Amino acid sequence: MMGTVTMYSTTWCGYCRRLKSQLDREGIAYTEIDIELNPEAATLVEKANGGNQTVPTVVVAPNGGGPEVTMTNPSLADVKQALAA
């Protein structure tokens, strides 16, 4: 699959660990950004989630020309669908 996946996460987030494991298993590359170490990333996550620092927040930029998609706690299927757009 083409495109880029950026996951905003924390070290203690079980949902983040689960999604990372699924992406790894499927061979989907992603960039991980820890919002506790990056205040700018934390601000981006807050804007995407009504002021909350909800993780994982995932931003997918598909290579097929579709619009960038921001998702909160997406499933693996959601990420694959966004990449295919």
PDB file of N, CA and C in Angstrom:
ATOM      1  N   MET A   1       0.836  -1.180   0.000  1.00  0.00           N
ATOM      2  CA  MET A   1       0.000   0.000   0.000  1.00  0.00           C
ATOM      3  C   MET A   1       0.876   1.238   0.000  1.00  0.00           C
ATOM      4  N   MET A   2       0.421   2.216  -0.681  1.00  0.00           N
ATOM      5  CA  MET A   2       1.165   3.454  -0.777  1.00  0.00           C
ATOM      6  C   MET A   2       0.567   4.475   0.185  1.00  0.00           C
ATOM      7  N   GLY A   3       1.282   5.574   0.341  1.00  0.00           N
ATOM      8  CA  GLY A   3       0.813   6.622   1.221  1.00  0.00           C
ATOM      9  C   GLY A   3       1.619   6.622   2.498  1.00  0.00           C
ATOM     10  N   THR A   4       1.265   7.540   3.379  1.00  0.00           N
ATOM     11  CA  THR A   4       1.972   7.621   4.650  1.00  0.00           C
ATOM     12  C   THR A   4       0.986   7.531   5.806  1.00  0.00           C
ATOM     13  N   VAL A   5       1.457   6.921   6.871  1.00  0.00           N
ATOM     14  CA  VAL A   5       0.671   6.783   8.094  1.00  0.00           C
ATOM     15  C   VAL A   5       1.493   7.379   9.229  1.00  0.00           C
ATOM     16  N   THR A   6       0.897   8.306   9.964  1.00  0.00           N
ATOM     17  CA  THR A   6       1.530   8.872  11.142  1.00  0.00           C
ATOM     18  C   THR A   6       0.630   8.575  12.334  1.00  0.00           C
ATOM     19  N   MET A   7       1.208   7.933  13.341  1.00  0.00           N
ATOM     20  CA  MET A   7       0.443   7.589  14.544  1.00  0.00           C
ATOM     21  C   MET A   7       0.940   8.424  15.715  1.00  0.00           C
ATOM     22  N   TYR A   8       0.025   9.153  16.311  1.00  0.00           N
ATOM     23  CA  TYR A   8       0.311   9.918  17.521  1.00  0.00           C
ATOM     24  C   TYR A   8      -0.099   9.039  18.694  1.00  0.00           C
ATOM     25  N   SER A   9       0.838   8.810  19.616  1.00  0.00           N
ATOM     26  CA  SER A   9       0.607   7.820  20.663  1.00  0.00           C
ATOM     27  C   SER A   9       1.295   8.228  21.963  1.00  0.00           C
ATOM     28  N   THR A  10       1.203   7.328  22.933  1.00  0.00           N
ATOM     29  CA  THR A  10       1.959   7.420  24.181  1.00  0.00           C
ATOM     30  C   THR A  10       2.525   6.033  24.464  1.00  0.00           C
ATOM     31  N   THR A  11       3.485   5.956  25.351  1.00  0.00           N
ATOM     32  CA  THR A  11       4.102   4.665  25.666  1.00  0.00           C
ATOM     33  C   THR A  11       3.162   3.744  26.447  1.00  0.00           C
ATOM     34  N   TRP A  12       2.202   4.327  27.167  1.00  0.00           N
ATOM     35  CA  TRP A  12       1.343   3.531  28.054  1.00  0.00           C
ATOM     36  C   TRP A  12       0.017   3.136  27.415  1.00  0.00           C
ATOM     37  N   CYS A  13      -0.223   3.518  26.177  1.00  0.00           N
ATOM     38  CA  CYS A  13      -1.522   3.306  25.523  1.00  0.00           C
ATOM     39  C   CYS A  13      -1.637   1.899  24.945  1.00  0.00           C
ATOM     40  N   GLY A  14      -2.525   1.113  25.508  1.00  0.00           N
ATOM     41  CA  GLY A  14      -2.748  -0.251  25.027  1.00  0.00           C
ATOM     42  C   GLY A  14      -3.336  -0.290  23.630  1.00  0.00           C
ATOM     43  N   TYR A  15      -4.220   0.637  23.310  1.00  0.00           N
ATOM     44  CA  TYR A  15      -4.799   0.694  21.964  1.00  0.00           C
ATOM     45  C   TYR A  15      -3.726   1.018  20.926  1.00  0.00           C
ATOM     46  N   CYS A  16      -2.770   1.856  21.312  1.00  0.00           N
ATOM     47  CA  CYS A  16      -1.657   2.183  20.416  1.00  0.00           C
ATOM     48  C   CYS A  16      -0.802   0.943  20.164  1.00  0.00           C
ATOM     49  N   ARG A  17      -0.481   0.214  21.214  1.00  0.00           N
ATOM     50  CA  ARG A  17       0.326  -1.006  21.065  1.00  0.00           C
ATOM     51  C   ARG A  17      -0.374  -2.012  20.173  1.00  0.00           C
ATOM     52  N   ARG A  18      -1.686  -2.151  20.335  1.00  0.00           N
ATOM     53  CA  ARG A  18      -2.444  -3.095  19.515  1.00  0.00           C
ATOM     54  C   ARG A  18      -2.396  -2.694  18.044  1.00  0.00           C
ATOM     55  N   LEU A  19      -2.658  -1.427  17.749  1.00  0.00           N
ATOM     56  CA  LEU A  19      -2.661  -0.986  16.358  1.00  0.00           C
ATOM     57  C   LEU A  19      -1.263  -1.095  15.748  1.00  0.00           C
ATOM     58  N   LYS A  20      -0.225  -0.741  16.510  1.00  0.00           N
ATOM     59  CA  LYS A  20       1.144  -0.870  15.994  1.00  0.00           C
ATOM     60  C   LYS A  20       1.446  -2.321  15.646  1.00  0.00           C
ATOM     61  N   SER A  21       1.034  -3.240  16.500  1.00  0.00           N
ATOM     62  CA  SER A  21       1.247  -4.659  16.247  1.00  0.00           C
ATOM     63  C   SER A  21       0.537  -5.102  14.972  1.00  0.00           C
ATOM     64  N   GLN A  22      -0.690  -4.638  14.783  1.00  0.00           N
ATOM     65  CA  GLN A  22      -1.450  -5.003  13.588  1.00  0.00           C
ATOM     66  C   GLN A  22      -0.807  -4.417  12.331  1.00  0.00           C
ATOM     67  N   LEU A  23      -0.382  -3.170  12.396  1.00  0.00           N
ATOM     68  CA  LEU A  23       0.274  -2.552  11.243  1.00  0.00           C
ATOM     69  C   LEU A  23       1.572  -3.270  10.918  1.00  0.00           C
ATOM     70  N   ASP A  24       2.348  -3.615  11.950  1.00  0.00           N
ATOM     71  CA  ASP A  24       3.595  -4.364  11.744  1.00  0.00           C
ATOM     72  C   ASP A  24       3.316  -5.705  11.073  1.00  0.00           C
ATOM     73  N   ARG A  25       2.322  -6.395  11.569  1.00  0.00           N
ATOM     74  CA  ARG A  25       1.968  -7.719  11.023  1.00  0.00           C
ATOM     75  C   ARG A  25       1.572  -7.626   9.547  1.00  0.00           C
ATOM     76  N   GLU A  26       0.901  -6.534   9.178  1.00  0.00           N
ATOM     77  CA  GLU A  26       0.442  -6.347   7.800  1.00  0.00           C
ATOM     78  C   GLU A  26       1.502  -5.700   6.906  1.00  0.00           C
ATOM     79  N   GLY A  27       2.641  -5.333   7.490  1.00  0.00           N
ATOM     80  CA  GLY A  27       3.711  -4.716   6.712  1.00  0.00           C
ATOM     81  C   GLY A  27       3.419  -3.279   6.305  1.00  0.00           C
ATOM     82  N   ILE A  28       2.582  -2.597   7.068  1.00  0.00           N
ATOM     83  CA  ILE A  28       2.241  -1.203   6.788  1.00  0.00           C
ATOM     84  C   ILE A  28       3.182  -0.311   7.598  1.00  0.00           C
ATOM     85  N   ALA A  29       3.988   0.452   6.881  1.00  0.00           N
ATOM     86  CA  ALA A  29       4.948   1.342   7.537  1.00  0.00           C
ATOM     87  C   ALA A  29       4.216   2.543   8.138  1.00  0.00           C
ATOM     88  N   TYR A  30       4.742   3.030   9.250  1.00  0.00           N
ATOM     89  CA  TYR A  30       4.159   4.200   9.906  1.00  0.00           C
ATOM     90  C   TYR A  30       5.236   4.944  10.673  1.00  0.00           C
ATOM     91  N   THR A  31       4.969   6.202  10.909  1.00  0.00           N
ATOM     92  CA  THR A  31       5.822   7.020  11.757  1.00  0.00           C
ATOM     93  C   THR A  31       5.077   7.225  13.061  1.00  0.00           C
ATOM     94  N   GLU A  32       5.755   6.954  14.172  1.00  0.00           N
ATOM     95  CA  GLU A  32       5.127   7.113  15.479  1.00  0.00           C
ATOM     96  C   GLU A  32       5.666   8.365  16.164  1.00  0.00           C
ATOM     97  N   ILE A  33       4.759   9.157  16.717  1.00  0.00           N
ATOM     98  CA  ILE A  33       5.141  10.366  17.449  1.00  0.00           C
ATOM     99  C   ILE A  33       4.504  10.309  18.831  1.00  0.00           C
ATOM    100  N   ASP A  34       5.346  10.341  19.864  1.00  0.00           N
ATOM    101  CA  ASP A  34       4.888  10.304  21.257  1.00  0.00           C
ATOM    102  C   ASP A  34       4.460  11.708  21.662  1.00  0.00           C
ATOM    103  N   ILE A  35       3.178  11.884  21.931  1.00  0.00           N
ATOM    104  CA  ILE A  35       2.666  13.224  22.248  1.00  0.00           C
ATOM    105  C   ILE A  35       3.146  13.727  23.612  1.00  0.00           C
ATOM    106  N   GLU A  36       3.630  12.840  24.456  1.00  0.00           N
ATOM    107  CA  GLU A  36       4.146  13.286  25.754  1.00  0.00           C
ATOM    108  C   GLU A  36       5.537  13.892  25.618  1.00  0.00           C
ATOM    109  N   LEU A  37       6.212  13.600  24.512  1.00  0.00           N
ATOM    110  CA  LEU A  37       7.548  14.138  24.275  1.00  0.00           C
ATOM    111  C   LEU A  37       7.538  15.274  23.260  1.00  0.00           C
ATOM    112  N   ASN A  38       6.390  15.510  22.621  1.00  0.00           N
ATOM    113  CA  ASN A  38       6.315  16.486  21.551  1.00  0.00           C
ATOM    114  C   ASN A  38       5.078  17.371  21.749  1.00  0.00           C
ATOM    115  N   PRO A  39       5.252  18.543  22.355  1.00  0.00           N
ATOM    116  CA  PRO A  39       4.107  19.422  22.635  1.00  0.00           C
ATOM    117  C   PRO A  39       3.330  19.838  21.379  1.00  0.00           C
ATOM    118  N   GLU A  40       4.014  20.003  20.256  1.00  0.00           N
ATOM    119  CA  GLU A  40       3.325  20.372  19.021  1.00  0.00           C
ATOM    120  C   GLU A  40       2.405  19.238  18.558  1.00  0.00           C
ATOM    121  N   ALA A  41       2.862  18.019  18.717  1.00  0.00           N
ATOM    122  CA  ALA A  41       2.040  16.862  18.358  1.00  0.00           C
ATOM    123  C   ALA A  41       0.839  16.761  19.296  1.00  0.00           C
ATOM    124  N   ALA A  42       1.047  17.041  20.571  1.00  0.00           N
ATOM    125  CA  ALA A  42      -0.059  17.011  21.533  1.00  0.00           C
ATOM    126  C   ALA A  42      -1.119  18.034  21.149  1.00  0.00           C
ATOM    127  N   THR A  43      -0.689  19.194  20.692  1.00  0.00           N
ATOM    128  CA  THR A  43      -1.631  20.233  20.257  1.00  0.00           C
ATOM    129  C   THR A  43      -2.414  19.769  19.036  1.00  0.00           C
ATOM    130  N   LEU A  44      -1.746  19.126  18.082  1.00  0.00           N
ATOM    131  CA  LEU A  44      -2.421  18.599  16.901  1.00  0.00           C
ATOM    132  C   LEU A  44      -3.486  17.577  17.299  1.00  0.00           C
ATOM    133  N   VAL A  45      -3.140  16.689  18.219  1.00  0.00           N
ATOM    134  CA  VAL A  45      -4.085  15.670  18.682  1.00  0.00           C
ATOM    135  C   VAL A  45      -5.276  16.325  19.383  1.00  0.00           C
ATOM    136  N   GLU A  46      -5.018  17.326  20.193  1.00  0.00           N
ATOM    137  CA  GLU A  46      -6.110  18.036  20.872  1.00  0.00           C
ATOM    138  C   GLU A  46      -7.063  18.678  19.864  1.00  0.00           C
ATOM    139  N   LYS A  47      -6.518  19.294  18.828  1.00  0.00           N
ATOM    140  CA  LYS A  47      -7.353  19.920  17.803  1.00  0.00           C
ATOM    141  C   LYS A  47      -8.210  18.893  17.080  1.00  0.00           C
ATOM    142  N   ALA A  48      -7.663  17.717  16.863  1.00  0.00           N
ATOM    143  CA  ALA A  48      -8.395  16.666  16.157  1.00  0.00           C
ATOM    144  C   ALA A  48      -9.454  15.997  17.027  1.00  0.00           C
ATOM    145  N   ASN A  49      -9.337  16.160  18.345  1.00  0.00           N
ATOM    146  CA  ASN A  49     -10.199  15.429  19.268  1.00  0.00           C
ATOM    147  C   ASN A  49     -10.922  16.319  20.266  1.00  0.00           C
ATOM    148  N   GLY A  50     -11.358  17.465  19.821  1.00  0.00           N
ATOM    149  CA  GLY A  50     -12.167  18.342  20.671  1.00  0.00           C
ATOM    150  C   GLY A  50     -11.500  18.755  21.959  1.00  0.00           C
ATOM    151  N   GLY A  51     -10.188  18.957  21.931  1.00  0.00           N
ATOM    152  CA  GLY A  51      -9.459  19.396  23.114  1.00  0.00           C
ATOM    153  C   GLY A  51      -8.887  18.266  23.955  1.00  0.00           C
ATOM    154  N   ASN A  52      -9.151  17.026  23.572  1.00  0.00           N
ATOM    155  CA  ASN A  52      -8.661  15.869  24.321  1.00  0.00           C
ATOM    156  C   ASN A  52      -7.407  15.287  23.678  1.00  0.00           C
ATOM    157  N   GLN A  53      -6.529  14.757  24.504  1.00  0.00           N
ATOM    158  CA  GLN A  53      -5.329  14.089  24.003  1.00  0.00           C
ATOM    159  C   GLN A  53      -5.616  12.603  23.857  1.00  0.00           C
ATOM    160  N   THR A  54      -6.496  12.268  22.922  1.00  0.00           N
ATOM    161  CA  THR A  54      -6.916  10.890  22.704  1.00  0.00           C
ATOM    162  C   THR A  54      -5.968  10.217  21.722  1.00  0.00           C
ATOM    163  N   VAL A  55      -5.430   9.077  22.134  1.00  0.00           N
ATOM    164  CA  VAL A  55      -4.534   8.305  21.272  1.00  0.00           C
ATOM    165  C   VAL A  55      -5.024   6.868  21.185  1.00  0.00           C
ATOM    166  N   PRO A  56      -4.728   6.164  20.108  1.00  0.00           N
ATOM    167  CA  PRO A  56      -3.979   6.666  18.971  1.00  0.00           C
ATOM    168  C   PRO A  56      -4.820   7.577  18.089  1.00  0.00           C
ATOM    169  N   THR A  57      -4.195   8.647  17.669  1.00  0.00           N
ATOM    170  CA  THR A  57      -4.736   9.482  16.606  1.00  0.00           C
ATOM    171  C   THR A  57      -3.843   9.219  15.409  1.00  0.00           C
ATOM    172  N   VAL A  58      -4.453   8.872  14.293  1.00  0.00           N
ATOM    173  CA  VAL A  58      -3.703   8.456  13.106  1.00  0.00           C
ATOM    174  C   VAL A  58      -4.045   9.384  11.949  1.00  0.00           C
ATOM    175  N   VAL A  59      -3.003   9.845  11.266  1.00  0.00           N
ATOM    176  CA  VAL A  59      -3.179  10.668  10.074  1.00  0.00           C
ATOM    177  C   VAL A  59      -2.670   9.863   8.888  1.00  0.00           C
ATOM    178  N   VAL A  60      -3.542   9.665   7.897  1.00  0.00           N
ATOM    179  CA  VAL A  60      -3.191   8.917   6.699  1.00  0.00           C
ATOM    180  C   VAL A  60      -3.231   9.866   5.511  1.00  0.00           C
ATOM    181  N   ALA A  61      -2.133   9.902   4.778  1.00  0.00           N
ATOM    182  CA  ALA A  61      -2.062  10.663   3.532  1.00  0.00           C
ATOM    183  C   ALA A  61      -1.933   9.639   2.407  1.00  0.00           C
ATOM    184  N   PRO A  62      -3.030   9.332   1.718  1.00  0.00           N
ATOM    185  CA  PRO A  62      -2.973   8.323   0.671  1.00  0.00           C
ATOM    186  C   PRO A  62      -2.187   8.826  -0.538  1.00  0.00           C
ATOM    187  N   ASN A  63      -1.551   7.906  -1.234  1.00  0.00           N
ATOM    188  CA  ASN A  63      -0.774   8.255  -2.413  1.00  0.00           C
ATOM    189  C   ASN A  63      -1.648   8.381  -3.649  1.00  0.00           C
ATOM    190  N   GLY A  64      -2.871   7.895  -3.573  1.00  0.00           N
ATOM    191  CA  GLY A  64      -3.747   7.898  -4.729  1.00  0.00           C
ATOM    192  C   GLY A  64      -4.436   9.225  -4.989  1.00  0.00           C
ATOM    193  N   GLY A  65      -4.046  10.264  -4.296  1.00  0.00           N
ATOM    194  CA  GLY A  65      -4.627  11.574  -4.540  1.00  0.00           C
ATOM    195  C   GLY A  65      -5.799  11.914  -3.647  1.00  0.00           C
ATOM    196  N   GLY A  66      -6.203  10.983  -2.803  1.00  0.00           N
ATOM    197  CA  GLY A  66      -7.306  11.265  -1.885  1.00  0.00           C
ATOM    198  C   GLY A  66      -6.882  12.233  -0.810  1.00  0.00           C
ATOM    199  N   PRO A  67      -7.840  12.810  -0.096  1.00  0.00           N
ATOM    200  CA  PRO A  67      -7.520  13.775   0.956  1.00  0.00           C
ATOM    201  C   PRO A  67      -6.898  13.101   2.176  1.00  0.00           C
ATOM    202  N   GLU A  68      -6.105  13.860   2.903  1.00  0.00           N
ATOM    203  CA  GLU A  68      -5.539  13.378   4.167  1.00  0.00           C
ATOM    204  C   GLU A  68      -6.681  13.096   5.128  1.00  0.00           C
ATOM    205  N   VAL A  69      -6.574  11.995   5.872  1.00  0.00           N
ATOM    206  CA  VAL A  69      -7.624  11.566   6.783  1.00  0.00           C
ATOM    207  C   VAL A  69      -7.047  11.471   8.193  1.00  0.00           C
ATOM    208  N   THR A  70      -7.754  12.055   9.172  1.00  0.00           N
ATOM    209  CA  THR A  70      -7.365  11.952  10.571  1.00  0.00           C
ATOM    210  C   THR A  70      -8.402  11.100  11.283  1.00  0.00           C
ATOM    211  N   MET A  71      -7.929  10.064  11.997  1.00  0.00           N
ATOM    212  CA  MET A  71      -8.824   9.122  12.676  1.00  0.00           C
ATOM    213  C   MET A  71      -8.384   8.947  14.123  1.00  0.00           C
ATOM    214  N   THR A  72      -9.349   8.740  14.993  1.00  0.00           N
ATOM    215  CA  THR A  72      -9.073   8.472  16.397  1.00  0.00           C
ATOM    216  C   THR A  72      -9.375   7.015  16.686  1.00  0.00           C
ATOM    217  N   ASN A  73      -8.373   6.322  17.226  1.00  0.00           N
ATOM    218  CA  ASN A  73      -8.470   4.902  17.573  1.00  0.00           C
ATOM    219  C   ASN A  73      -9.074   4.083  16.423  1.00  0.00           C
ATOM    220  N   PRO A  74      -8.475   4.185  15.236  1.00  0.00           N
ATOM    221  CA  PRO A  74      -9.034   3.454  14.093  1.00  0.00           C
ATOM    222  C   PRO A  74      -8.710   1.972  14.161  1.00  0.00           C
ATOM    223  N   SER A  75      -9.503   1.198  13.456  1.00  0.00           N
ATOM    224  CA  SER A  75      -9.194  -0.222  13.282  1.00  0.00           C
ATOM    225  C   SER A  75      -8.168  -0.356  12.167  1.00  0.00           C
ATOM    226  N   LEU A  76      -7.581  -1.535  12.057  1.00  0.00           N
ATOM    227  CA  LEU A  76      -6.667  -1.814  10.957  1.00  0.00           C
ATOM    228  C   LEU A  76      -7.395  -1.635   9.625  1.00  0.00           C
ATOM    229  N   ALA A  77      -8.642  -2.088   9.551  1.00  0.00           N
ATOM    230  CA  ALA A  77      -9.430  -1.954   8.327  1.00  0.00           C
ATOM    231  C   ALA A  77      -9.629  -0.486   7.964  1.00  0.00           C
ATOM    232  N   ASP A  78      -9.838   0.382   8.965  1.00  0.00           N
ATOM    233  CA  ASP A  78      -9.994   1.817   8.708  1.00  0.00           C
ATOM    234  C   ASP A  78      -8.725   2.403   8.081  1.00  0.00           C
ATOM    235  N   VAL A  79      -7.569   2.014   8.616  1.00  0.00           N
ATOM    236  CA  VAL A  79      -6.302   2.519   8.103  1.00  0.00           C
ATOM    237  C   VAL A  79      -6.086   2.024   6.664  1.00  0.00           C
ATOM    238  N   LYS A  80      -6.359   0.754   6.427  1.00  0.00           N
ATOM    239  CA  LYS A  80      -6.202   0.206   5.072  1.00  0.00           C
ATOM    240  C   LYS A  80      -7.111   0.913   4.083  1.00  0.00           C
ATOM    241  N   GLN A  81      -8.339   1.175   4.491  1.00  0.00           N
ATOM    242  CA  GLN A  81      -9.297   1.853   3.616  1.00  0.00           C
ATOM    243  C   GLN A  81      -8.813   3.266   3.297  1.00  0.00           C
ATOM    244  N   ALA A  82      -8.317   3.973   4.287  1.00  0.00           N
ATOM    245  CA  ALA A  82      -7.821   5.340   4.069  1.00  0.00           C
ATOM    246  C   ALA A  82      -6.613   5.340   3.135  1.00  0.00           C
ATOM    247  N   LEU A  83      -5.732   4.339   3.272  1.00  0.00           N
ATOM    248  CA  LEU A  83      -4.578   4.255   2.388  1.00  0.00           C
ATOM    249  C   LEU A  83      -4.982   3.976   0.950  1.00  0.00           C
ATOM    250  N   ALA A  84      -6.046   3.234   0.773  1.00  0.00           N
ATOM    251  CA  ALA A  84      -6.493   2.850  -0.567  1.00  0.00           C
ATOM    252  C   ALA A  84      -7.251   3.966  -1.285  1.00  0.00           C
ATOM    253  N   ALA A  85      -7.606   5.032  -0.587  1.00  0.00           N
ATOM    254  CA  ALA A  85      -8.409   6.111  -1.185  1.00  0.00           C
ATOM    255  C   ALA A  85      -7.673   6.798  -2.314  1.00  0.00           C
TER     256      ALA A  85
END
